[in-house]
PDB file of N, CA and C in Angstrom:
ATOM      1  N   MET A   1      23.159-120.149 -40.955  1.00  0.00           N
ATOM      2  CA  MET A   1      22.928-120.141 -39.592  1.00  0.00           C
ATOM      3  C   MET A   1      22.255-119.307 -39.582  1.00  0.00           C
ATOM      4  N   SER A   2      21.844-119.410 -38.035  1.00  0.00           N
ATOM      5  CA  SER A   2      20.140-118.566 -37.825  1.00  0.00           C
ATOM      6  C   SER A   2      20.334-117.489 -37.454  1.00  0.00           C
ATOM      7  N   GLN A   3      19.709-116.179 -37.710  1.00  0.00           N
ATOM      8  CA  GLN A   3      19.632-115.498 -37.016  1.00  0.00           C
ATOM      9  C   GLN A   3      18.302-114.604 -35.737  1.00  0.00           C
ATOM     10  N   TYR A   4      19.455-114.406 -34.542  1.00  0.00           N
ATOM     11  CA  TYR A   4      18.457-114.746 -32.756  1.00  0.00           C
ATOM     12  C   TYR A   4      17.988-113.115 -32.944  1.00  0.00           C
ATOM     13  N   MET A   5      17.453-112.831 -32.690  1.00  0.00           N
ATOM     14  CA  MET A   5      16.960-111.627 -31.514  1.00  0.00           C
ATOM     15  C   MET A   5      17.474-111.097 -30.317  1.00  0.00           C
ATOM     16  N   THR A   6      18.554-110.671 -29.630  1.00  0.00           N
ATOM     17  CA  THR A   6      18.747-110.141 -28.110  1.00  0.00           C
ATOM     18  C   THR A   6      17.548-109.962 -27.907  1.00  0.00           C
ATOM     19  N   ALA A   7      17.882-110.257 -26.296  1.00  0.00           N
ATOM     20  CA  ALA A   7      16.940-109.618 -24.932  1.00  0.00           C
ATOM     21  C   ALA A   7      16.854-108.024 -25.486  1.00  0.00           C
ATOM     22  N   GLU A   8      18.010-107.179 -25.434  1.00  0.00           N
ATOM     23  CA  GLU A   8      18.270-105.921 -25.405  1.00  0.00           C
ATOM     24  C   GLU A   8      17.268-105.458 -26.770  1.00  0.00           C
ATOM     25  N   ASP A   9      17.871-105.997 -27.883  1.00  0.00           N
ATOM     26  CA  ASP A   9      16.907-105.680 -29.280  1.00  0.00           C
ATOM     27  C   ASP A   9      15.726-105.855 -29.577  1.00  0.00           C
ATOM     28  N   LEU A  10      15.088-106.551 -28.808  1.00  0.00           N
ATOM     29  CA  LEU A  10      13.620-106.919 -28.343  1.00  0.00           C
ATOM     30  C   LEU A  10      12.929-106.556 -27.621  1.00  0.00           C
ATOM     31  N   PHE A  11      14.209-105.735 -26.387  1.00  0.00           N
ATOM     32  CA  PHE A  11      13.270-104.502 -26.065  1.00  0.00           C
ATOM     33  C   PHE A  11      12.915-103.618 -26.830  1.00  0.00           C
ATOM     34  N   VAL A  12      14.273-103.090 -27.371  1.00  0.00           N
ATOM     35  CA  VAL A  12      13.957-102.148 -28.074  1.00  0.00           C
ATOM     36  C   VAL A  12      12.751-101.650 -28.941  1.00  0.00           C
ATOM     37  N   GLN A  13      12.240-102.829 -29.359  1.00  0.00           N
ATOM     38  CA  GLN A  13      11.315-103.176 -30.248  1.00  0.00           C
ATOM     39  C   GLN A  13       9.979-103.260 -29.776  1.00  0.00           C
ATOM     40  N   ILE A  14       9.670-103.546 -28.596  1.00  0.00           N
ATOM     41  CA  ILE A  14       8.637-103.796 -27.885  1.00  0.00           C
ATOM     42  C   ILE A  14       8.166-101.802 -27.286  1.00  0.00           C
ATOM     43  N   GLN A  15       9.921-101.289 -26.979  1.00  0.00           N
ATOM     44  CA  GLN A  15       9.512-100.122 -26.134  1.00  0.00           C
ATOM     45  C   GLN A  15       8.506 -98.933 -27.753  1.00  0.00           C
ATOM     46  N   LYS A  16       8.984 -99.385 -28.579  1.00  0.00           N
ATOM     47  CA  LYS A  16       8.639 -98.426 -30.582  1.00  0.00           C
ATOM     48  C   LYS A  16       6.741 -99.236 -30.437  1.00  0.00           C
ATOM     49  N   MET A  17       6.695 -99.779 -29.584  1.00  0.00           N
ATOM     50  CA  MET A  17       4.855-100.200 -30.183  1.00  0.00           C
ATOM     51  C   MET A  17       4.315 -99.509 -29.340  1.00  0.00           C
ATOM     52  N   PRO A  18       2.853 -99.656 -29.906  1.00  0.00           N
ATOM     53  CA  PRO A  18       1.673 -98.699 -29.688  1.00  0.00           C
ATOM     54  C   PRO A  18       1.367 -99.139 -28.322  1.00  0.00           C
ATOM     55  N   SER A  19       1.017 -98.538 -26.824  1.00  0.00           N
ATOM     56  CA  SER A  19       0.735 -99.001 -25.660  1.00  0.00           C
ATOM     57  C   SER A  19      -0.447 -99.873 -25.733  1.00  0.00           C
ATOM     58  N   LYS A  20      -1.784 -99.800 -26.159  1.00  0.00           N
ATOM     59  CA  LYS A  20      -2.189-101.453 -26.085  1.00  0.00           C
ATOM     60  C   LYS A  20      -1.669-103.046 -27.536  1.00  0.00           C
ATOM     61  N   GLU A  21      -0.510-102.326 -28.141  1.00  0.00           N
ATOM     62  CA  GLU A  21      -0.005-103.719 -28.530  1.00  0.00           C
ATOM     63  C   GLU A  21       0.939-103.966 -27.562  1.00  0.00           C
ATOM     64  N   ARG A  22       1.237-102.842 -26.428  1.00  0.00           N
ATOM     65  CA  ARG A  22       2.051-103.967 -26.273  1.00  0.00           C
ATOM     66  C   ARG A  22       1.555-104.202 -24.413  1.00  0.00           C
ATOM     67  N   ILE A  23       0.464-103.803 -24.544  1.00  0.00           N
ATOM     68  CA  ILE A  23      -0.909-104.635 -23.387  1.00  0.00           C
ATOM     69  C   ILE A  23      -1.495-105.864 -23.642  1.00  0.00           C
ATOM     70  N   LYS A  24      -1.002-106.052 -25.222  1.00  0.00           N
ATOM     71  CA  LYS A  24      -2.075-107.468 -25.710  1.00  0.00           C
ATOM     72  C   LYS A  24      -0.581-108.386 -25.525  1.00  0.00           C
ATOM     73  N   PHE A  25       0.491-108.073 -26.780  1.00  0.00           N
ATOM     74  CA  PHE A  25       2.510-108.471 -26.256  1.00  0.00           C
ATOM     75  C   PHE A  25       1.951-109.473 -24.136  1.00  0.00           C
ATOM     76  N   PHE A  26       1.854-109.022 -24.146  1.00  0.00           N
ATOM     77  CA  PHE A  26       2.183-109.033 -21.858  1.00  0.00           C
ATOM     78  C   PHE A  26       1.230-110.018 -22.110  1.00  0.00           C
ATOM     79  N   SER A  27      -0.465-110.023 -22.446  1.00  0.00           N
ATOM     80  CA  SER A  27      -1.507-110.593 -22.293  1.00  0.00           C
ATOM     81  C   SER A  27      -0.921-111.990 -22.179  1.00  0.00           C
ATOM     82  N   LEU A  28      -0.651-111.447 -23.713  1.00  0.00           N
ATOM     83  CA  LEU A  28      -0.168-112.926 -24.453  1.00  0.00           C
ATOM     84  C   LEU A  28       0.164-114.163 -23.647  1.00  0.00           C
ATOM     85  N   ILE A  29       1.810-113.488 -23.120  1.00  0.00           N
ATOM     86  CA  ILE A  29       2.930-113.763 -22.172  1.00  0.00           C
ATOM     87  C   ILE A  29       2.694-114.580 -21.341  1.00  0.00           C
ATOM     88  N   ALA A  30       1.593-114.089 -20.401  1.00  0.00           N
ATOM     89  CA  ALA A  30       1.213-113.447 -19.275  1.00  0.00           C
ATOM     90  C   ALA A  30       0.011-114.917 -19.326  1.00  0.00           C
ATOM     91  N   ILE A  31      -1.029-115.624 -20.058  1.00  0.00           N
ATOM     92  CA  ILE A  31      -1.570-116.737 -20.571  1.00  0.00           C
ATOM     93  C   ILE A  31      -1.019-117.595 -20.699  1.00  0.00           C
ATOM     94  N   LYS A  32      -0.374-117.807 -22.357  1.00  0.00           N
ATOM     95  CA  LYS A  32       0.762-118.645 -22.957  1.00  0.00           C
ATOM     96  C   LYS A  32       2.255-119.114 -22.071  1.00  0.00           C
ATOM     97  N   ALA A  33       2.183-118.575 -20.907  1.00  0.00           N
ATOM     98  CA  ALA A  33       3.137-119.019 -19.988  1.00  0.00           C
ATOM     99  C   ALA A  33       2.841-119.871 -18.604  1.00  0.00           C
ATOM    100  N   PHE A  34       1.539-119.079 -18.473  1.00  0.00           N
ATOM    101  CA  PHE A  34       0.988-119.733 -16.914  1.00  0.00           C
ATOM    102  C   PHE A  34      -0.444-121.050 -16.882  1.00  0.00           C
ATOM    103  N   GLN A  35      -1.259-120.677 -18.723  1.00  0.00           N
ATOM    104  CA  GLN A  35      -2.216-121.764 -19.123  1.00  0.00           C
ATOM    105  C   GLN A  35      -2.019-122.962 -19.067  1.00  0.00           C
ATOM    106  N   GLU A  36      -0.170-123.662 -19.634  1.00  0.00           N
ATOM    107  CA  GLU A  36       0.052-124.915 -19.142  1.00  0.00           C
ATOM    108  C   GLU A  36       0.275-125.389 -17.208  1.00  0.00           C
ATOM    109  N   THR A  37       0.331-125.089 -16.680  1.00  0.00           N
ATOM    110  CA  THR A  37       1.060-125.430 -15.132  1.00  0.00           C
ATOM    111  C   THR A  37       0.713-124.323 -14.985  1.00  0.00           C
ATOM    112  N   ASP A  38      -0.565-124.431 -12.890  1.00  0.00           N
ATOM    113  CA  ASP A  38      -1.090-124.321 -12.213  1.00  0.00           C
ATOM    114  C   ASP A  38       0.430-123.501 -11.633  1.00  0.00           C
ATOM    115  N   TYR A  39       0.817-122.009 -11.385  1.00  0.00           N
ATOM    116  CA  TYR A  39       2.196-122.625 -10.076  1.00  0.00           C
ATOM    117  C   TYR A  39       1.681-122.089  -9.216  1.00  0.00           C
ATOM    118  N   THR A  40       2.781-122.512  -8.262  1.00  0.00           N
ATOM    119  CA  THR A  40       2.406-122.207  -6.555  1.00  0.00           C
ATOM    120  C   THR A  40       2.744-120.597  -6.517  1.00  0.00           C
ATOM    121  N   HIS A  41       2.585-120.489  -5.113  1.00  0.00           N
ATOM    122  CA  HIS A  41       3.229-119.189  -5.129  1.00  0.00           C
ATOM    123  C   HIS A  41       5.207-119.687  -4.525  1.00  0.00           C
ATOM    124  N   GLU A  42       4.886-121.135  -3.623  1.00  0.00           N
ATOM    125  CA  GLU A  42       6.049-121.234  -3.444  1.00  0.00           C
ATOM    126  C   GLU A  42       7.821-121.880  -4.884  1.00  0.00           C
ATOM    127  N   GLN A  43       6.464-122.158  -5.677  1.00  0.00           N
ATOM    128  CA  GLN A  43       7.768-121.897  -6.820  1.00  0.00           C
ATOM    129  C   GLN A  43       7.003-120.350  -7.982  1.00  0.00           C
ATOM    130  N   VAL A  44       6.527-119.427  -8.037  1.00  0.00           N
ATOM    131  CA  VAL A  44       7.537-118.732  -7.902  1.00  0.00           C
ATOM    132  C   VAL A  44       8.619-117.862  -7.478  1.00  0.00           C
ATOM    133  N   PHE A  45       7.281-117.532  -6.316  1.00  0.00           N
ATOM    134  CA  PHE A  45       7.786-116.773  -5.499  1.00  0.00           C
ATOM    135  C   PHE A  45       9.863-117.310  -4.168  1.00  0.00           C
ATOM    136  N   GLY A  46       8.882-118.585  -3.826  1.00  0.00           N
ATOM    137  CA  GLY A  46      10.617-119.465  -2.978  1.00  0.00           C
ATOM    138  C   GLY A  46      11.328-118.936  -2.732  1.00  0.00           C
ATOM    139  N   HIS A  47      12.221-118.677  -4.301  1.00  0.00           N
ATOM    140  CA  HIS A  47      13.275-118.140  -3.476  1.00  0.00           C
ATOM    141  C   HIS A  47      14.179-116.590  -3.145  1.00  0.00           C
ATOM    142  N   LEU A  48      13.278-116.343  -2.920  1.00  0.00           N
ATOM    143  CA  LEU A  48      12.522-114.707  -2.003  1.00  0.00           C
ATOM    144  C   LEU A  48      13.003-115.287  -0.859  1.00  0.00           C
ATOM    145  N   LYS A  49      12.197-116.404  -0.775  1.00  0.00           N
ATOM    146  CA  LYS A  49      12.233-116.104   1.095  1.00  0.00           C
ATOM    147  C   LYS A  49      12.604-116.225   2.807  1.00  0.00           C
ATOM    148  N   ASN A  50      14.151-116.342   2.353  1.00  0.00           N
ATOM    149  CA  ASN A  50      15.855-116.473   3.068  1.00  0.00           C
ATOM    150  C   ASN A  50      16.172-114.630   2.335  1.00  0.00           C
ATOM    151  N   ALA A  51      15.950-114.221   0.999  1.00  0.00           N
ATOM    152  CA  ALA A  51      16.076-113.020   0.214  1.00  0.00           C
ATOM    153  C   ALA A  51      16.520-111.787   1.627  1.00  0.00           C
ATOM    154  N   SER A  52      17.244-111.556   1.058  1.00  0.00           N
ATOM    155  CA  SER A  52      17.876-109.755   1.720  1.00  0.00           C
ATOM    156  C   SER A  52      17.041-108.940   0.316  1.00  0.00           C
ATOM    157  N   PHE A  53      16.810-107.325   0.894  1.00  0.00           N
ATOM    158  CA  PHE A  53      16.162-106.376   0.295  1.00  0.00           C
ATOM    159  C   PHE A  53      17.283-105.113   0.569  1.00  0.00           C
ATOM    160  N   SER A  54      17.201-104.715  -0.322  1.00  0.00           N
ATOM    161  CA  SER A  54      18.132-102.869  -0.306  1.00  0.00           C
ATOM    162  C   SER A  54      16.818-102.350   0.802  1.00  0.00           C
ATOM    163  N   ALA A  55      17.103-100.678   0.744  1.00  0.00           N
ATOM    164  CA  ALA A  55      16.399-100.131   0.862  1.00  0.00           C
ATOM    165  C   ALA A  55      15.668 -99.391  -0.159  1.00  0.00           C
ATOM    166  N   GLU A  56      16.311 -99.264  -1.017  1.00  0.00           N
ATOM    167  CA  GLU A  56      15.621 -98.926  -2.489  1.00  0.00           C
ATOM    168  C   GLU A  56      14.090-100.466  -2.508  1.00  0.00           C
ATOM    169  N   GLU A  57      14.710-101.369  -2.686  1.00  0.00           N
ATOM    170  CA  GLU A  57      13.847-102.754  -2.875  1.00  0.00           C
ATOM    171  C   GLU A  57      12.780-102.685  -1.651  1.00  0.00           C
ATOM    172  N   ALA A  58      13.170-102.170  -0.427  1.00  0.00           N
ATOM    173  CA  ALA A  58      12.217-102.680   0.182  1.00  0.00           C
ATOM    174  C   ALA A  58      10.237-101.517   0.284  1.00  0.00           C
ATOM    175  N   ALA A  59      10.902-100.357   0.314  1.00  0.00           N
ATOM    176  CA  ALA A  59      10.776 -99.861   0.113  1.00  0.00           C
ATOM    177  C   ALA A  59       9.099 -99.851  -0.993  1.00  0.00           C
ATOM    178  N   GLU A  60       9.820-100.644  -1.816  1.00  0.00           N
ATOM    179  CA  GLU A  60       9.247-100.840  -3.245  1.00  0.00           C
ATOM    180  C   GLU A  60       7.738-101.355  -3.171  1.00  0.00           C
ATOM    181  N   PHE A  61       9.102-102.385  -2.346  1.00  0.00           N
ATOM    182  CA  PHE A  61       8.375-103.693  -2.171  1.00  0.00           C
ATOM    183  C   PHE A  61       7.040-102.904  -1.526  1.00  0.00           C
ATOM    184  N   LEU A  62       7.068-102.609  -0.601  1.00  0.00           N
ATOM    185  CA  LEU A  62       6.007-102.312   0.960  1.00  0.00           C
ATOM    186  C   LEU A  62       5.234-101.056  -0.455  1.00  0.00           C
ATOM    187  N   GLU A  63       5.518-100.375  -1.693  1.00  0.00           N
ATOM    188  CA  GLU A  63       4.356 -99.372  -1.966  1.00  0.00           C
ATOM    189  C   GLU A  63       4.507 -98.147  -1.729  1.00  0.00           C
ATOM    190  N   ILE A  64       6.192 -98.128  -0.646  1.00  0.00           N
ATOM    191  CA  ILE A  64       5.782 -96.123  -0.132  1.00  0.00           C
ATOM    192  C   ILE A  64       7.110 -96.163  -0.275  1.00  0.00           C
ATOM    193  N   SER A  65       7.617 -94.500  -0.341  1.00  0.00           N
ATOM    194  CA  SER A  65       8.649 -94.395  -0.163  1.00  0.00           C
ATOM    195  C   SER A  65       9.843 -94.195   0.781  1.00  0.00           C
ATOM    196  N   LEU A  66      11.218 -94.054  -0.480  1.00  0.00           N
ATOM    197  CA  LEU A  66      12.195 -94.517   0.564  1.00  0.00           C
ATOM    198  C   LEU A  66      12.601 -93.369   2.093  1.00  0.00           C
ATOM    199  N   PRO A  67      11.944 -92.135   1.975  1.00  0.00           N
ATOM    200  CA  PRO A  67      11.697 -91.442   3.322  1.00  0.00           C
ATOM    201  C   PRO A  67      10.724 -91.972   4.151  1.00  0.00           C
ATOM    202  N   THR A  68       9.851 -92.714   3.882  1.00  0.00           N
ATOM    203  CA  THR A  68       8.461 -93.172   5.239  1.00  0.00           C
ATOM    204  C   THR A  68       9.192 -94.662   4.864  1.00  0.00           C
ATOM    205  N   LEU A  69      10.011 -95.517   4.144  1.00  0.00           N
ATOM    206  CA  LEU A  69      11.043 -96.617   4.787  1.00  0.00           C
ATOM    207  C   LEU A  69      11.416 -95.842   5.759  1.00  0.00           C
ATOM    208  N   ARG A  70      12.627 -94.922   5.816  1.00  0.00           N
ATOM    209  CA  ARG A  70      13.825 -94.328   7.187  1.00  0.00           C
ATOM    210  C   ARG A  70      12.827 -94.207   7.921  1.00  0.00           C
ATOM    211  N   ARG A  71      11.667 -93.287   7.948  1.00  0.00           N
ATOM    212  CA  ARG A  71      10.679 -92.792   8.959  1.00  0.00           C
ATOM    213  C   ARG A  71      10.318 -94.564   9.644  1.00  0.00           C
ATOM    214  N   TYR A  72       9.736 -95.532   9.207  1.00  0.00           N
ATOM    215  CA  TYR A  72       8.894 -97.342   9.371  1.00  0.00           C
ATOM    216  C   TYR A  72      11.083 -97.093  10.999  1.00  0.00           C
ATOM    217  N   VAL A  73      11.308 -97.645   9.879  1.00  0.00           N
ATOM    218  CA  VAL A  73      13.306 -97.170  10.589  1.00  0.00           C
ATOM    219  C   VAL A  73      13.266 -97.216  12.127  1.00  0.00           C
ATOM    220  N   GLN A  74      13.379 -95.599  11.704  1.00  0.00           N
ATOM    221  CA  GLN A  74      13.438 -94.395  12.980  1.00  0.00           C
ATOM    222  C   GLN A  74      12.175 -94.827  14.083  1.00  0.00           C
ATOM    223  N   ALA A  75      11.458 -95.591  13.792  1.00  0.00           N
ATOM    224  CA  ALA A  75      10.229 -95.488  14.995  1.00  0.00           C
ATOM    225  C   ALA A  75      10.216 -97.178  15.434  1.00  0.00           C
ATOM    226  N   GLY A  76      11.206 -98.185  15.132  1.00  0.00           N
ATOM    227  CA  GLY A  76      11.136 -99.043  15.254  1.00  0.00           C
ATOM    228  C   GLY A  76      10.318-100.250  14.724  1.00  0.00           C
ATOM    229  N   LYS A  77       9.381 -99.691  13.890  1.00  0.00           N
ATOM    230  CA  LYS A  77       8.490-100.421  13.099  1.00  0.00           C
ATOM    231  C   LYS A  77       8.830-101.928  11.751  1.00  0.00           C
ATOM    232  N   LEU A  78      10.443-101.361  11.969  1.00  0.00           N
ATOM    233  CA  LEU A  78      10.318-101.962  10.659  1.00  0.00           C
ATOM    234  C   LEU A  78      13.016-102.156  10.987  1.00  0.00           C
ATOM    235  N   LYS A  79      13.397-102.807  11.356  1.00  0.00           N
ATOM    236  CA  LYS A  79      14.258-103.715  11.481  1.00  0.00           C
ATOM    237  C   LYS A  79      15.550-103.764  10.551  1.00  0.00           C
ATOM    238  N   PRO A  80      16.599-102.993  10.140  1.00  0.00           N
ATOM    239  CA  PRO A  80      17.023-104.072   8.845  1.00  0.00           C
ATOM    240  C   PRO A  80      17.734-105.485  10.028  1.00  0.00           C
ATOM    241  N   SER A  81      17.462-106.307   8.727  1.00  0.00           N
ATOM    242  CA  SER A  81      18.654-107.799   9.342  1.00  0.00           C
ATOM    243  C   SER A  81      20.398-107.588   9.503  1.00  0.00           C
ATOM    244  N   SER A  82      20.424-106.999   8.349  1.00  0.00           N
ATOM    245  CA  SER A  82      22.054-107.465   8.434  1.00  0.00           C
ATOM    246  C   SER A  82      21.851-105.137   8.272  1.00  0.00           C
ATOM    247  N   ILE A  83      23.190-104.762   8.780  1.00  0.00           N
ATOM    248  CA  ILE A  83      23.996-103.733   8.340  1.00  0.00           C
ATOM    249  C   ILE A  83      26.114-103.963   7.154  1.00  0.00           C
ATOM    250  N   ILE A  84      25.832-103.670   6.705  1.00  0.00           N
ATOM    251  CA  ILE A  84      26.626-103.796   5.568  1.00  0.00           C
ATOM    252  C   ILE A  84      27.383-102.328   4.569  1.00  0.00           C
ATOM    253  N   GLY A  85      28.639-101.644   5.998  1.00  0.00           N
ATOM    254  CA  GLY A  85      28.706-100.149   5.738  1.00  0.00           C
ATOM    255  C   GLY A  85      27.550 -98.830   5.845  1.00  0.00           C
ATOM    256  N   ARG A  86      27.862 -98.225   5.195  1.00  0.00           N
ATOM    257  CA  ARG A  86      25.821 -97.717   5.221  1.00  0.00           C
ATOM    258  C   ARG A  86      24.587 -98.429   4.827  1.00  0.00           C
ATOM    259  N   SER A  87      25.489 -99.381   4.592  1.00  0.00           N
ATOM    260  CA  SER A  87      24.251-100.225   4.003  1.00  0.00           C
ATOM    261  C   SER A  87      22.831-100.926   4.124  1.00  0.00           C
ATOM    262  N   GLN A  88      21.264-100.668   4.376  1.00  0.00           N
ATOM    263  CA  GLN A  88      21.555-101.164   5.134  1.00  0.00           C
ATOM    264  C   GLN A  88      20.390-102.409   4.886  1.00  0.00           C
ATOM    265  N   LEU A  89      20.042-103.890   4.470  1.00  0.00           N
ATOM    266  CA  LEU A  89      19.089-104.649   4.480  1.00  0.00           C
ATOM    267  C   LEU A  89      17.844-105.319   5.587  1.00  0.00           C
ATOM    268  N   PHE A  90      17.045-105.655   4.456  1.00  0.00           N
ATOM    269  CA  PHE A  90      15.934-106.455   5.590  1.00  0.00           C
ATOM    270  C   PHE A  90      15.676-107.402   4.654  1.00  0.00           C
ATOM    271  N   SER A  91      15.092-108.186   5.781  1.00  0.00           N
ATOM    272  CA  SER A  91      14.513-109.630   5.314  1.00  0.00           C
ATOM    273  C   SER A  91      13.293-109.626   5.216  1.00  0.00           C
ATOM    274  N   SER A  92      12.505-110.977   3.496  1.00  0.00           N
ATOM    275  CA  SER A  92      11.693-110.476   3.126  1.00  0.00           C
ATOM    276  C   SER A  92      10.400-110.900   4.365  1.00  0.00           C
ATOM    277  N   SER A  93      10.832-112.269   5.475  1.00  0.00           N
ATOM    278  CA  SER A  93       9.574-112.575   6.071  1.00  0.00           C
ATOM    279  C   SER A  93       9.244-111.224   6.702  1.00  0.00           C
ATOM    280  N   ASP A  94      10.396-110.208   6.886  1.00  0.00           N
ATOM    281  CA  ASP A  94      10.203-108.669   7.979  1.00  0.00           C
ATOM    282  C   ASP A  94       9.109-108.513   7.130  1.00  0.00           C
ATOM    283  N   LEU A  95       9.567-107.732   5.940  1.00  0.00           N
ATOM    284  CA  LEU A  95       9.299-106.706   5.170  1.00  0.00           C
ATOM    285  C   LEU A  95       7.767-107.742   5.157  1.00  0.00           C
ATOM    286  N   LYS A  96       7.708-109.143   4.957  1.00  0.00           N
ATOM    287  CA  LYS A  96       6.089-108.986   4.470  1.00  0.00           C
ATOM    288  C   LYS A  96       4.955-108.730   5.541  1.00  0.00           C
ATOM    289  N   LEU A  97       5.879-108.502   7.081  1.00  0.00           N
ATOM    290  CA  LEU A  97       4.646-108.437   8.279  1.00  0.00           C
ATOM    291  C   LEU A  97       4.009-107.478   8.268  1.00  0.00           C
ATOM    292  N   LEU A  98       5.075-106.449   7.916  1.00  0.00           N
ATOM    293  CA  LEU A  98       4.400-104.322   7.772  1.00  0.00           C
ATOM    294  C   LEU A  98       4.201-104.761   7.201  1.00  0.00           C
ATOM    295  N   LYS A  99       4.460-105.751   6.130  1.00  0.00           N
ATOM    296  CA  LYS A  99       2.901-104.946   4.420  1.00  0.00           C
ATOM    297  C   LYS A  99       1.484-105.783   5.088  1.00  0.00           C
ATOM    298  N   GLN A 100       1.621-106.461   5.700  1.00  0.00           N
ATOM    299  CA  GLN A 100       0.817-106.610   6.265  1.00  0.00           C
ATOM    300  C   GLN A 100      -0.605-106.076   6.995  1.00  0.00           C
ATOM    301  N   LYS A 101       0.107-105.179   8.500  1.00  0.00           N
ATOM    302  CA  LYS A 101       0.203-104.357   9.656  1.00  0.00           C
ATOM    303  C   LYS A 101      -0.164-103.049   7.981  1.00  0.00           C
ATOM    304  N   ILE A 102       0.317-103.152   7.247  1.00  0.00           N
ATOM    305  CA  ILE A 102       0.220-101.866   6.975  1.00  0.00           C
ATOM    306  C   ILE A 102      -0.547-102.359   5.889  1.00  0.00           C
ATOM    307  N   SER A 103      -1.333-102.834   5.271  1.00  0.00           N
ATOM    308  CA  SER A 103      -2.991-102.580   4.291  1.00  0.00           C
ATOM    309  C   SER A 103      -4.120-103.064   6.084  1.00  0.00           C
ATOM    310  N   LYS A 104      -3.378-102.935   7.089  1.00  0.00           N
ATOM    311  CA  LYS A 104      -4.648-103.300   7.592  1.00  0.00           C
ATOM    312  C   LYS A 104      -5.529-102.226   7.928  1.00  0.00           C
ATOM    313  N   ASP A 105      -4.308-100.938   7.815  1.00  0.00           N
ATOM    314  CA  ASP A 105      -4.111 -99.474   8.647  1.00  0.00           C
ATOM    315  C   ASP A 105      -5.428 -99.122   7.913  1.00  0.00           C
TER     316      ASP A 105
END
């Protein structure tokens, strides 16, 4: 019977690595993961096409603070796709359009 390392154990070990080794480690993963197959944008991110994002996730996607996201909503620059209780959800297509507008400014 072989012994396997759990994801949590691996994460702990990675955290103990010096930063230069972590950079090399993740670079190797990225190179090996995408070397054999050229993945399209659709293959990598297609599952997010119809996804909804929480306010926190939307702010992270837009690379803005949560208070700035709230100001965009109050100003009508971004509208929630749905509201569940006190939580607002935002569509990925609306976020993508707003991100394009923000990057042009």
